[in-house]
């Protein structure tokens, strides 16, 4: 029996972000950048970065689309209003309209870029519902394929991602549907 190694370079960035562990020397670097410190929600601060540094796939007047820095699968997008609100009822009519239009366009971009067999769209509203950033609602849009869950996900709580965030960002920017 052999031991197979899986490379998940983004995991070290994630682990460092939740612990005091220093970066290892010579580790592969991730595209994930910490947002600048300051006022505003995590997502509002990410939106102050340039598109590549912030993994921003699309910017709209009232809502934007980002890559999830710690994705469930390649192409995992977050669609969010540009200003933090915690609940759907707190969205302005313009934010509501643009948010759902961007969800629709995100699905189209994923289908074009990844030829996925399905797409999950969902929101975790509030901490009790599993929201990681409960003060800034966001919709998750993920490509799915038949058989894309396996023992790694179910038993080892591990995701295997075949491409870097930078490659995913480039692919989705190129596939983003017009207006």
N, C-alpha and C. Protein backbone atom coordinates (compact mmCIF):
# COMPACT_ATOMS: atom_id res chain seq x y z
N UNK A 1 0.85 -1.18 0.00
CA UNK A 1 0.00 0.00 0.00
C UNK A 1 0.90 1.24 0.00
N UNK A 2 0.58 2.20 -0.83
CA UNK A 2 1.36 3.44 -0.90
C UNK A 2 0.60 4.59 -0.26
N UNK A 3 1.34 5.58 0.13
CA UNK A 3 0.73 6.78 0.69
C UNK A 3 0.73 7.85 -0.39
N UNK A 4 -0.44 8.31 -0.77
CA UNK A 4 -0.55 9.37 -1.77
C UNK A 4 -0.65 10.71 -1.07
N UNK A 5 -0.01 11.70 -1.64
CA UNK A 5 -0.05 13.05 -1.09
C UNK A 5 -0.90 13.93 -1.97
N UNK A 6 -1.73 14.74 -1.36
CA UNK A 6 -2.55 15.70 -2.07
C UNK A 6 -2.04 17.09 -1.76
N UNK A 7 -1.84 17.90 -2.77
CA UNK A 7 -1.40 19.27 -2.54
C UNK A 7 -2.62 20.16 -2.48
N UNK A 8 -2.77 20.90 -1.43
CA UNK A 8 -3.84 21.89 -1.27
C UNK A 8 -3.18 23.15 -0.72
N UNK A 9 -2.48 23.87 -1.60
CA UNK A 9 -1.68 25.01 -1.19
C UNK A 9 -2.45 26.11 -0.48
N UNK A 10 -3.71 26.24 -0.78
CA UNK A 10 -4.52 27.27 -0.11
C UNK A 10 -4.75 26.96 1.36
N UNK A 11 -4.64 25.71 1.78
CA UNK A 11 -4.93 25.35 3.18
C UNK A 11 -3.98 26.05 4.14
N UNK A 12 -2.70 26.21 3.79
CA UNK A 12 -1.78 26.85 4.72
C UNK A 12 -2.19 28.29 4.97
N UNK A 13 -2.63 29.00 3.95
CA UNK A 13 -3.11 30.38 4.14
C UNK A 13 -4.30 30.40 5.08
N UNK A 14 -5.21 29.44 4.89
CA UNK A 14 -6.37 29.37 5.76
C UNK A 14 -5.97 29.08 7.21
N UNK A 15 -5.12 28.09 7.40
CA UNK A 15 -4.72 27.74 8.76
C UNK A 15 -3.99 28.90 9.44
N UNK A 16 -3.15 29.61 8.68
CA UNK A 16 -2.46 30.76 9.25
C UNK A 16 -3.43 31.87 9.61
N UNK A 17 -4.52 31.99 8.87
CA UNK A 17 -5.47 33.07 9.14
C UNK A 17 -6.26 32.82 10.42
N UNK A 18 -6.34 31.56 10.88
CA UNK A 18 -7.09 31.27 12.09
C UNK A 18 -6.21 30.88 13.28
N UNK A 19 -4.90 30.86 13.07
CA UNK A 19 -3.96 30.57 14.15
C UNK A 19 -2.86 31.62 14.15
N UNK A 20 -1.94 31.49 15.07
CA UNK A 20 -0.79 32.38 15.11
C UNK A 20 0.42 31.78 14.41
N UNK A 21 0.21 30.71 13.61
CA UNK A 21 1.32 30.02 12.96
C UNK A 21 1.97 30.92 11.91
N UNK A 22 3.30 31.01 11.91
CA UNK A 22 3.99 31.80 10.88
C UNK A 22 4.02 31.06 9.56
N UNK A 23 4.20 31.79 8.48
CA UNK A 23 4.32 31.18 7.15
C UNK A 23 5.59 30.35 7.10
N UNK A 24 5.52 29.21 6.41
CA UNK A 24 6.69 28.38 6.23
C UNK A 24 7.58 28.94 5.14
N UNK A 25 8.86 28.73 5.28
CA UNK A 25 9.81 29.19 4.27
C UNK A 25 9.70 28.29 3.06
N UNK A 26 9.62 28.89 1.89
CA UNK A 26 9.59 28.14 0.65
C UNK A 26 8.25 27.52 0.31
N UNK A 27 7.19 27.82 1.06
CA UNK A 27 5.88 27.29 0.72
C UNK A 27 5.36 27.95 -0.53
N UNK A 28 4.54 27.24 -1.33
CA UNK A 28 3.92 27.88 -2.47
C UNK A 28 3.03 29.01 -1.98
N UNK A 29 3.02 30.12 -2.68
CA UNK A 29 2.18 31.23 -2.26
C UNK A 29 0.79 31.06 -2.85
N UNK A 30 -0.19 31.57 -2.16
CA UNK A 30 -1.57 31.52 -2.58
C UNK A 30 -1.95 32.87 -3.15
N UNK A 31 -3.00 32.88 -3.96
CA UNK A 31 -3.51 34.14 -4.46
C UNK A 31 -4.29 34.87 -3.36
N UNK A 32 -4.64 34.16 -2.28
CA UNK A 32 -5.44 34.74 -1.22
C UNK A 32 -4.66 35.84 -0.51
N UNK A 33 -5.23 37.00 -0.43
CA UNK A 33 -4.62 38.13 0.26
C UNK A 33 -5.52 38.55 1.41
N UNK A 34 -4.92 38.96 2.49
CA UNK A 34 -5.70 39.50 3.59
C UNK A 34 -6.20 40.88 3.18
N UNK A 35 -7.46 41.20 3.42
CA UNK A 35 -7.94 42.54 3.08
C UNK A 35 -7.27 43.57 3.98
N UNK A 36 -7.22 44.81 3.52
CA UNK A 36 -6.58 45.83 4.35
C UNK A 36 -7.35 46.01 5.65
N UNK A 37 -6.65 46.34 6.73
CA UNK A 37 -7.35 46.60 7.99
C UNK A 37 -8.16 47.88 7.86
N UNK A 38 -9.13 48.03 8.70
CA UNK A 38 -9.90 49.27 8.68
C UNK A 38 -11.36 49.03 8.92
N UNK A 39 -12.14 50.03 8.56
CA UNK A 39 -13.58 50.00 8.77
C UNK A 39 -14.25 49.12 7.73
N UNK A 40 -15.41 48.64 8.06
CA UNK A 40 -16.21 47.89 7.11
C UNK A 40 -16.08 46.39 7.30
N UNK A 41 -16.98 45.68 6.65
CA UNK A 41 -16.97 44.22 6.73
C UNK A 41 -15.79 43.66 5.96
N UNK A 42 -15.53 42.39 6.14
CA UNK A 42 -14.48 41.70 5.40
C UNK A 42 -14.66 41.93 3.90
N UNK A 43 -15.88 41.76 3.39
CA UNK A 43 -16.11 41.90 1.96
C UNK A 43 -15.98 43.35 1.50
N UNK A 44 -16.40 44.31 2.29
CA UNK A 44 -16.22 45.72 1.91
C UNK A 44 -14.73 46.04 1.79
N UNK A 45 -13.93 45.49 2.68
CA UNK A 45 -12.48 45.73 2.61
C UNK A 45 -11.86 45.02 1.42
N UNK A 46 -12.33 43.81 1.09
CA UNK A 46 -11.83 43.11 -0.10
C UNK A 46 -12.13 43.93 -1.35
N UNK A 47 -13.28 44.56 -1.39
CA UNK A 47 -13.67 45.35 -2.56
C UNK A 47 -12.81 46.60 -2.75
N UNK A 48 -11.97 46.94 -1.75
CA UNK A 48 -11.04 48.06 -1.93
C UNK A 48 -9.77 47.62 -2.67
N UNK A 49 -9.56 46.30 -2.81
CA UNK A 49 -8.39 45.76 -3.52
C UNK A 49 -8.63 45.82 -5.03
N UNK A 50 -7.56 45.69 -5.81
CA UNK A 50 -7.77 45.59 -7.25
C UNK A 50 -8.37 44.21 -7.54
N UNK A 51 -8.92 44.06 -8.74
CA UNK A 51 -9.68 42.86 -9.07
C UNK A 51 -8.87 41.57 -8.91
N UNK A 52 -7.64 41.55 -9.41
CA UNK A 52 -6.85 40.33 -9.32
C UNK A 52 -6.49 40.01 -7.88
N UNK A 53 -6.04 41.00 -7.14
CA UNK A 53 -5.64 40.77 -5.76
C UNK A 53 -6.82 40.35 -4.88
N UNK A 54 -7.99 40.90 -5.16
CA UNK A 54 -9.17 40.57 -4.37
C UNK A 54 -9.98 39.41 -4.92
N UNK A 55 -9.50 38.78 -6.01
CA UNK A 55 -10.23 37.68 -6.67
C UNK A 55 -11.64 38.12 -7.06
N UNK A 56 -11.76 39.36 -7.53
CA UNK A 56 -13.05 39.94 -7.90
C UNK A 56 -13.32 39.62 -9.36
N UNK A 57 -14.34 38.84 -9.61
CA UNK A 57 -14.68 38.40 -10.96
C UNK A 57 -15.47 39.50 -11.69
N UNK A 58 -16.37 40.18 -10.97
CA UNK A 58 -17.19 41.23 -11.58
C UNK A 58 -17.56 42.26 -10.52
N UNK A 59 -17.49 43.53 -10.90
CA UNK A 59 -17.95 44.63 -10.04
C UNK A 59 -19.16 45.28 -10.69
N UNK A 60 -20.20 45.44 -9.91
CA UNK A 60 -21.37 46.16 -10.38
C UNK A 60 -21.57 47.42 -9.55
N UNK A 61 -22.56 48.22 -9.91
CA UNK A 61 -22.84 49.46 -9.19
C UNK A 61 -23.30 49.19 -7.76
N UNK A 62 -24.03 48.08 -7.56
CA UNK A 62 -24.61 47.80 -6.24
C UNK A 62 -24.22 46.44 -5.67
N UNK A 63 -23.65 45.56 -6.49
CA UNK A 63 -23.28 44.22 -6.05
C UNK A 63 -22.08 43.74 -6.87
N UNK A 64 -21.36 42.77 -6.31
CA UNK A 64 -20.15 42.25 -6.96
C UNK A 64 -20.07 40.74 -6.80
N UNK A 65 -19.13 40.15 -7.55
CA UNK A 65 -18.91 38.70 -7.52
C UNK A 65 -17.44 38.45 -7.21
N UNK A 66 -17.17 37.65 -6.19
CA UNK A 66 -15.82 37.30 -5.76
C UNK A 66 -15.64 35.79 -5.82
N UNK A 67 -14.40 35.35 -5.97
CA UNK A 67 -14.10 33.94 -5.73
C UNK A 67 -14.05 33.72 -4.22
N UNK A 68 -14.55 32.59 -3.78
CA UNK A 68 -14.40 32.22 -2.39
C UNK A 68 -12.92 31.86 -2.18
N UNK A 69 -12.27 32.51 -1.23
CA UNK A 69 -10.84 32.27 -0.98
C UNK A 69 -10.58 30.85 -0.45
N UNK A 70 -11.57 30.23 0.15
CA UNK A 70 -11.43 28.88 0.69
C UNK A 70 -12.57 28.03 0.13
N UNK A 71 -12.49 27.70 -1.17
CA UNK A 71 -13.64 27.14 -1.89
C UNK A 71 -13.95 25.70 -1.55
N UNK A 72 -15.22 25.37 -1.74
CA UNK A 72 -15.66 23.98 -1.66
C UNK A 72 -15.17 23.24 -2.90
N UNK A 73 -15.22 23.93 -4.04
CA UNK A 73 -14.76 23.38 -5.31
C UNK A 73 -14.26 24.54 -6.17
N UNK A 74 -13.47 24.25 -7.20
CA UNK A 74 -13.04 25.32 -8.10
C UNK A 74 -14.26 25.99 -8.71
N UNK A 75 -14.22 27.32 -8.79
CA UNK A 75 -15.34 28.08 -9.32
C UNK A 75 -16.33 28.52 -8.28
N UNK A 76 -16.08 28.27 -7.00
CA UNK A 76 -16.99 28.65 -5.92
C UNK A 76 -17.04 30.18 -5.83
N UNK A 77 -18.17 30.76 -6.21
CA UNK A 77 -18.34 32.20 -6.25
C UNK A 77 -19.18 32.70 -5.09
N UNK A 78 -18.93 33.95 -4.71
CA UNK A 78 -19.74 34.66 -3.72
C UNK A 78 -20.32 35.89 -4.40
N UNK A 79 -21.63 36.05 -4.34
CA UNK A 79 -22.31 37.21 -4.91
C UNK A 79 -22.84 38.01 -3.73
N UNK A 80 -22.48 39.31 -3.68
CA UNK A 80 -22.80 40.10 -2.49
C UNK A 80 -23.06 41.56 -2.84
N UNK A 81 -23.88 42.21 -2.00
CA UNK A 81 -24.03 43.66 -2.19
C UNK A 81 -22.71 44.34 -1.84
N UNK A 82 -22.44 45.48 -2.46
CA UNK A 82 -21.19 46.19 -2.21
C UNK A 82 -21.13 46.79 -0.81
N UNK A 83 -22.27 46.99 -0.19
CA UNK A 83 -22.35 47.51 1.16
C UNK A 83 -22.93 46.43 2.06
N UNK A 84 -22.36 46.27 3.23
CA UNK A 84 -22.78 45.20 4.14
C UNK A 84 -24.21 45.39 4.62
N UNK A 85 -25.00 44.35 4.44
CA UNK A 85 -26.31 44.20 5.07
C UNK A 85 -26.40 42.75 5.52
N UNK A 86 -27.11 42.52 6.61
CA UNK A 86 -27.16 41.17 7.17
C UNK A 86 -28.34 40.35 6.67
N UNK A 87 -29.41 41.01 6.23
CA UNK A 87 -30.64 40.30 5.90
C UNK A 87 -31.15 40.71 4.52
N UNK A 88 -31.85 39.79 3.87
CA UNK A 88 -32.42 40.08 2.55
C UNK A 88 -33.33 41.31 2.60
N UNK A 89 -34.08 41.47 3.68
CA UNK A 89 -34.99 42.60 3.82
C UNK A 89 -34.27 43.94 3.94
N UNK A 90 -32.96 43.90 4.22
CA UNK A 90 -32.18 45.14 4.34
C UNK A 90 -31.63 45.63 3.00
N UNK A 91 -31.77 44.83 1.94
CA UNK A 91 -31.29 45.24 0.63
C UNK A 91 -32.17 46.34 0.05
N UNK A 92 -31.55 47.32 -0.59
CA UNK A 92 -32.32 48.32 -1.34
C UNK A 92 -32.88 47.63 -2.58
N UNK A 93 -33.89 48.21 -3.21
CA UNK A 93 -34.41 47.60 -4.46
C UNK A 93 -33.31 47.43 -5.52
N UNK A 94 -32.40 48.41 -5.65
CA UNK A 94 -31.32 48.29 -6.64
C UNK A 94 -30.34 47.18 -6.27
N UNK A 95 -30.01 47.05 -4.98
CA UNK A 95 -29.11 45.97 -4.54
C UNK A 95 -29.76 44.61 -4.79
N UNK A 96 -31.04 44.49 -4.46
CA UNK A 96 -31.76 43.23 -4.65
C UNK A 96 -31.76 42.82 -6.12
N UNK A 97 -32.11 43.75 -6.99
CA UNK A 97 -32.16 43.47 -8.42
C UNK A 97 -30.80 43.05 -8.96
N UNK A 98 -29.76 43.81 -8.61
CA UNK A 98 -28.44 43.49 -9.14
C UNK A 98 -27.88 42.20 -8.55
N UNK A 99 -28.11 41.96 -7.26
CA UNK A 99 -27.63 40.72 -6.62
C UNK A 99 -28.17 39.50 -7.36
N UNK A 100 -29.47 39.46 -7.62
CA UNK A 100 -30.06 38.28 -8.25
C UNK A 100 -29.70 38.19 -9.73
N UNK A 101 -29.50 39.33 -10.40
CA UNK A 101 -29.00 39.31 -11.76
C UNK A 101 -27.59 38.71 -11.80
N UNK A 102 -26.75 39.09 -10.81
CA UNK A 102 -25.38 38.56 -10.77
C UNK A 102 -25.36 37.08 -10.41
N UNK A 103 -26.31 36.61 -9.61
CA UNK A 103 -26.41 35.17 -9.36
C UNK A 103 -26.68 34.46 -10.68
N UNK A 104 -27.64 34.96 -11.46
CA UNK A 104 -27.97 34.37 -12.76
C UNK A 104 -26.76 34.38 -13.69
N UNK A 105 -26.05 35.49 -13.75
CA UNK A 105 -24.87 35.59 -14.61
C UNK A 105 -23.73 34.71 -14.11
N UNK A 106 -23.62 34.53 -12.79
CA UNK A 106 -22.60 33.63 -12.22
C UNK A 106 -22.84 32.20 -12.66
N UNK A 107 -24.10 31.78 -12.64
CA UNK A 107 -24.44 30.43 -13.11
C UNK A 107 -24.04 30.28 -14.57
N UNK A 108 -24.35 31.28 -15.40
CA UNK A 108 -24.00 31.21 -16.82
C UNK A 108 -22.48 31.13 -17.01
N UNK A 109 -21.73 31.91 -16.24
CA UNK A 109 -20.27 31.89 -16.35
C UNK A 109 -19.71 30.53 -15.94
N UNK A 110 -20.24 29.95 -14.87
CA UNK A 110 -19.76 28.63 -14.43
C UNK A 110 -20.07 27.56 -15.48
N UNK A 111 -21.27 27.61 -16.03
CA UNK A 111 -21.63 26.63 -17.05
C UNK A 111 -20.73 26.76 -18.28
N UNK A 112 -20.41 28.00 -18.67
CA UNK A 112 -19.55 28.21 -19.84
C UNK A 112 -18.10 27.81 -19.55
N UNK A 113 -17.60 28.16 -18.38
CA UNK A 113 -16.19 27.90 -18.07
C UNK A 113 -15.90 26.46 -17.68
N UNK A 114 -16.85 25.82 -17.00
CA UNK A 114 -16.57 24.50 -16.43
C UNK A 114 -17.43 23.37 -17.00
N UNK A 115 -18.40 23.70 -17.82
CA UNK A 115 -19.31 22.68 -18.36
C UNK A 115 -19.84 21.78 -17.24
N UNK A 116 -20.22 22.41 -16.13
CA UNK A 116 -20.71 21.65 -14.97
C UNK A 116 -22.08 21.03 -15.27
N UNK A 117 -22.41 19.99 -14.52
CA UNK A 117 -23.66 19.27 -14.73
C UNK A 117 -24.78 19.81 -13.84
N UNK A 118 -24.42 20.67 -12.91
CA UNK A 118 -25.39 21.29 -12.02
C UNK A 118 -24.72 22.44 -11.30
N UNK A 119 -25.52 23.22 -10.59
CA UNK A 119 -25.01 24.36 -9.83
C UNK A 119 -25.79 24.44 -8.52
N UNK A 120 -25.07 24.64 -7.41
CA UNK A 120 -25.71 24.94 -6.13
C UNK A 120 -25.72 26.44 -5.95
N UNK A 121 -26.87 26.99 -5.54
CA UNK A 121 -27.00 28.40 -5.18
C UNK A 121 -27.63 28.43 -3.80
N UNK A 122 -26.99 29.17 -2.88
CA UNK A 122 -27.55 29.22 -1.54
C UNK A 122 -27.02 30.37 -0.71
N UNK A 123 -27.78 30.68 0.34
CA UNK A 123 -27.39 31.72 1.30
C UNK A 123 -27.45 31.12 2.70
N UNK A 124 -26.50 31.48 3.53
CA UNK A 124 -26.52 31.13 4.95
C UNK A 124 -26.78 32.44 5.69
N UNK A 125 -28.03 32.67 6.07
CA UNK A 125 -28.40 33.94 6.69
C UNK A 125 -28.33 33.82 8.20
N UNK A 126 -27.33 34.45 8.80
CA UNK A 126 -27.15 34.42 10.25
C UNK A 126 -26.15 33.36 10.67
N UNK A 127 -25.54 33.60 11.82
CA UNK A 127 -24.52 32.70 12.35
C UNK A 127 -25.07 31.29 12.58
N UNK A 128 -26.31 31.20 13.08
CA UNK A 128 -26.91 29.89 13.35
C UNK A 128 -27.11 29.09 12.07
N UNK A 129 -27.20 29.78 10.93
CA UNK A 129 -27.37 29.10 9.64
C UNK A 129 -26.03 28.75 8.99
N UNK A 130 -24.93 29.09 9.67
CA UNK A 130 -23.61 28.75 9.15
C UNK A 130 -22.90 29.87 8.43
N UNK A 131 -23.42 31.09 8.51
CA UNK A 131 -22.77 32.21 7.83
C UNK A 131 -21.42 32.50 8.46
N UNK A 132 -20.38 32.50 7.64
CA UNK A 132 -19.03 32.81 8.12
C UNK A 132 -18.83 34.31 8.29
N UNK A 133 -19.57 35.11 7.54
CA UNK A 133 -19.53 36.57 7.64
C UNK A 133 -20.99 37.03 7.78
N UNK A 134 -21.58 36.83 8.97
CA UNK A 134 -23.03 37.05 9.12
C UNK A 134 -23.48 38.50 8.94
N UNK A 135 -22.57 39.46 9.08
CA UNK A 135 -22.97 40.86 8.94
C UNK A 135 -23.05 41.31 7.48
N UNK A 136 -22.62 40.47 6.55
CA UNK A 136 -22.63 40.84 5.13
C UNK A 136 -23.15 39.65 4.32
N UNK A 137 -24.45 39.66 4.02
CA UNK A 137 -25.03 38.51 3.32
C UNK A 137 -24.35 38.32 1.97
N UNK A 138 -24.31 37.07 1.55
CA UNK A 138 -23.71 36.72 0.27
C UNK A 138 -24.28 35.39 -0.19
N UNK A 139 -24.48 35.28 -1.49
CA UNK A 139 -24.97 34.04 -2.08
C UNK A 139 -23.77 33.22 -2.55
N UNK A 140 -23.80 31.93 -2.27
CA UNK A 140 -22.78 31.00 -2.76
C UNK A 140 -23.29 30.42 -4.08
N UNK A 141 -22.43 30.38 -5.08
CA UNK A 141 -22.78 29.79 -6.37
C UNK A 141 -21.64 28.84 -6.73
N UNK A 142 -21.93 27.52 -6.76
CA UNK A 142 -20.90 26.50 -6.93
C UNK A 142 -21.23 25.55 -8.08
N UNK A 143 -20.24 25.29 -8.93
CA UNK A 143 -20.45 24.28 -9.97
C UNK A 143 -20.43 22.88 -9.35
N UNK A 144 -21.23 21.98 -9.92
CA UNK A 144 -21.28 20.60 -9.41
C UNK A 144 -21.29 19.63 -10.58
N UNK A 145 -20.79 18.43 -10.32
CA UNK A 145 -20.75 17.36 -11.30
C UNK A 145 -21.24 16.09 -10.64
N UNK A 146 -21.84 15.21 -11.44
CA UNK A 146 -22.24 13.91 -10.91
C UNK A 146 -21.00 13.21 -10.37
N UNK A 147 -21.09 12.72 -9.16
CA UNK A 147 -19.98 11.99 -8.56
C UNK A 147 -18.87 12.85 -8.00
N UNK A 148 -19.12 14.17 -7.81
CA UNK A 148 -18.03 15.02 -7.32
C UNK A 148 -17.84 14.96 -5.81
N UNK A 149 -18.67 14.21 -5.11
CA UNK A 149 -18.41 13.97 -3.70
C UNK A 149 -17.88 12.55 -3.58
N UNK A 150 -16.95 12.37 -2.67
CA UNK A 150 -16.32 11.06 -2.53
C UNK A 150 -15.87 10.87 -1.09
N UNK A 151 -15.10 9.86 -0.85
CA UNK A 151 -14.66 9.55 0.51
C UNK A 151 -13.84 10.68 1.11
N UNK A 152 -13.10 11.42 0.29
CA UNK A 152 -12.27 12.52 0.82
C UNK A 152 -13.14 13.56 1.51
N UNK A 153 -14.25 13.91 0.86
CA UNK A 153 -15.16 14.89 1.42
C UNK A 153 -15.91 14.31 2.61
N UNK A 154 -16.43 13.09 2.45
CA UNK A 154 -17.29 12.50 3.46
C UNK A 154 -16.53 12.04 4.70
N UNK A 155 -15.36 11.45 4.54
CA UNK A 155 -14.64 10.86 5.65
C UNK A 155 -13.50 11.75 6.16
N UNK A 156 -12.75 12.32 5.26
CA UNK A 156 -11.55 13.07 5.65
C UNK A 156 -11.79 14.57 5.75
N UNK A 157 -13.01 15.04 5.42
CA UNK A 157 -13.33 16.47 5.43
C UNK A 157 -12.27 17.26 4.66
N UNK A 158 -11.89 16.74 3.49
CA UNK A 158 -10.86 17.34 2.65
C UNK A 158 -11.40 17.56 1.25
N UNK A 159 -11.06 18.67 0.67
CA UNK A 159 -11.44 18.97 -0.70
C UNK A 159 -10.18 18.88 -1.57
N UNK A 160 -10.33 18.36 -2.75
CA UNK A 160 -9.22 18.28 -3.69
C UNK A 160 -9.54 19.24 -4.83
N UNK A 161 -8.72 20.26 -4.98
CA UNK A 161 -8.94 21.29 -5.99
C UNK A 161 -7.86 21.19 -7.05
N UNK A 162 -8.25 21.00 -8.32
CA UNK A 162 -7.26 20.76 -9.35
C UNK A 162 -6.62 22.01 -9.95
N UNK A 163 -7.09 23.22 -9.61
CA UNK A 163 -6.47 24.41 -10.18
C UNK A 163 -6.35 25.50 -9.13
N UNK A 164 -5.45 26.43 -9.35
CA UNK A 164 -5.23 27.53 -8.41
C UNK A 164 -6.35 28.55 -8.50
N UNK A 165 -6.48 29.38 -7.47
CA UNK A 165 -7.47 30.46 -7.49
C UNK A 165 -7.20 31.40 -8.66
N UNK A 166 -5.95 31.68 -8.94
CA UNK A 166 -5.62 32.59 -10.04
C UNK A 166 -6.12 32.03 -11.37
N UNK A 167 -5.93 30.75 -11.62
CA UNK A 167 -6.43 30.12 -12.85
C UNK A 167 -7.96 30.18 -12.90
N UNK A 168 -8.60 29.91 -11.77
CA UNK A 168 -10.06 29.99 -11.71
C UNK A 168 -10.53 31.40 -12.01
N UNK A 169 -9.87 32.40 -11.40
CA UNK A 169 -10.23 33.81 -11.61
C UNK A 169 -10.13 34.16 -13.09
N UNK A 170 -9.02 33.79 -13.73
CA UNK A 170 -8.85 34.09 -15.15
C UNK A 170 -9.92 33.42 -16.01
N UNK A 171 -10.22 32.17 -15.71
CA UNK A 171 -11.20 31.41 -16.48
C UNK A 171 -12.59 32.04 -16.36
N UNK A 172 -12.98 32.43 -15.15
CA UNK A 172 -14.32 32.99 -14.95
C UNK A 172 -14.43 34.41 -15.49
N UNK A 173 -13.37 35.19 -15.40
CA UNK A 173 -13.40 36.54 -16.00
C UNK A 173 -13.60 36.43 -17.51
N UNK A 174 -12.92 35.47 -18.13
CA UNK A 174 -13.06 35.28 -19.58
C UNK A 174 -14.45 34.79 -19.96
N UNK A 175 -15.09 34.02 -19.09
CA UNK A 175 -16.41 33.46 -19.38
C UNK A 175 -17.56 34.36 -18.92
N UNK A 176 -17.26 35.49 -18.27
CA UNK A 176 -18.33 36.32 -17.70
C UNK A 176 -19.24 36.84 -18.80
N UNK A 177 -20.55 36.62 -18.68
CA UNK A 177 -21.48 37.05 -19.73
C UNK A 177 -21.67 38.57 -19.74
N UNK A 178 -21.86 39.12 -20.91
CA UNK A 178 -22.09 40.55 -21.06
C UNK A 178 -23.44 40.94 -20.45
N UNK A 179 -23.50 42.19 -20.02
CA UNK A 179 -24.61 42.92 -19.47
C UNK A 179 -25.90 42.33 -19.30
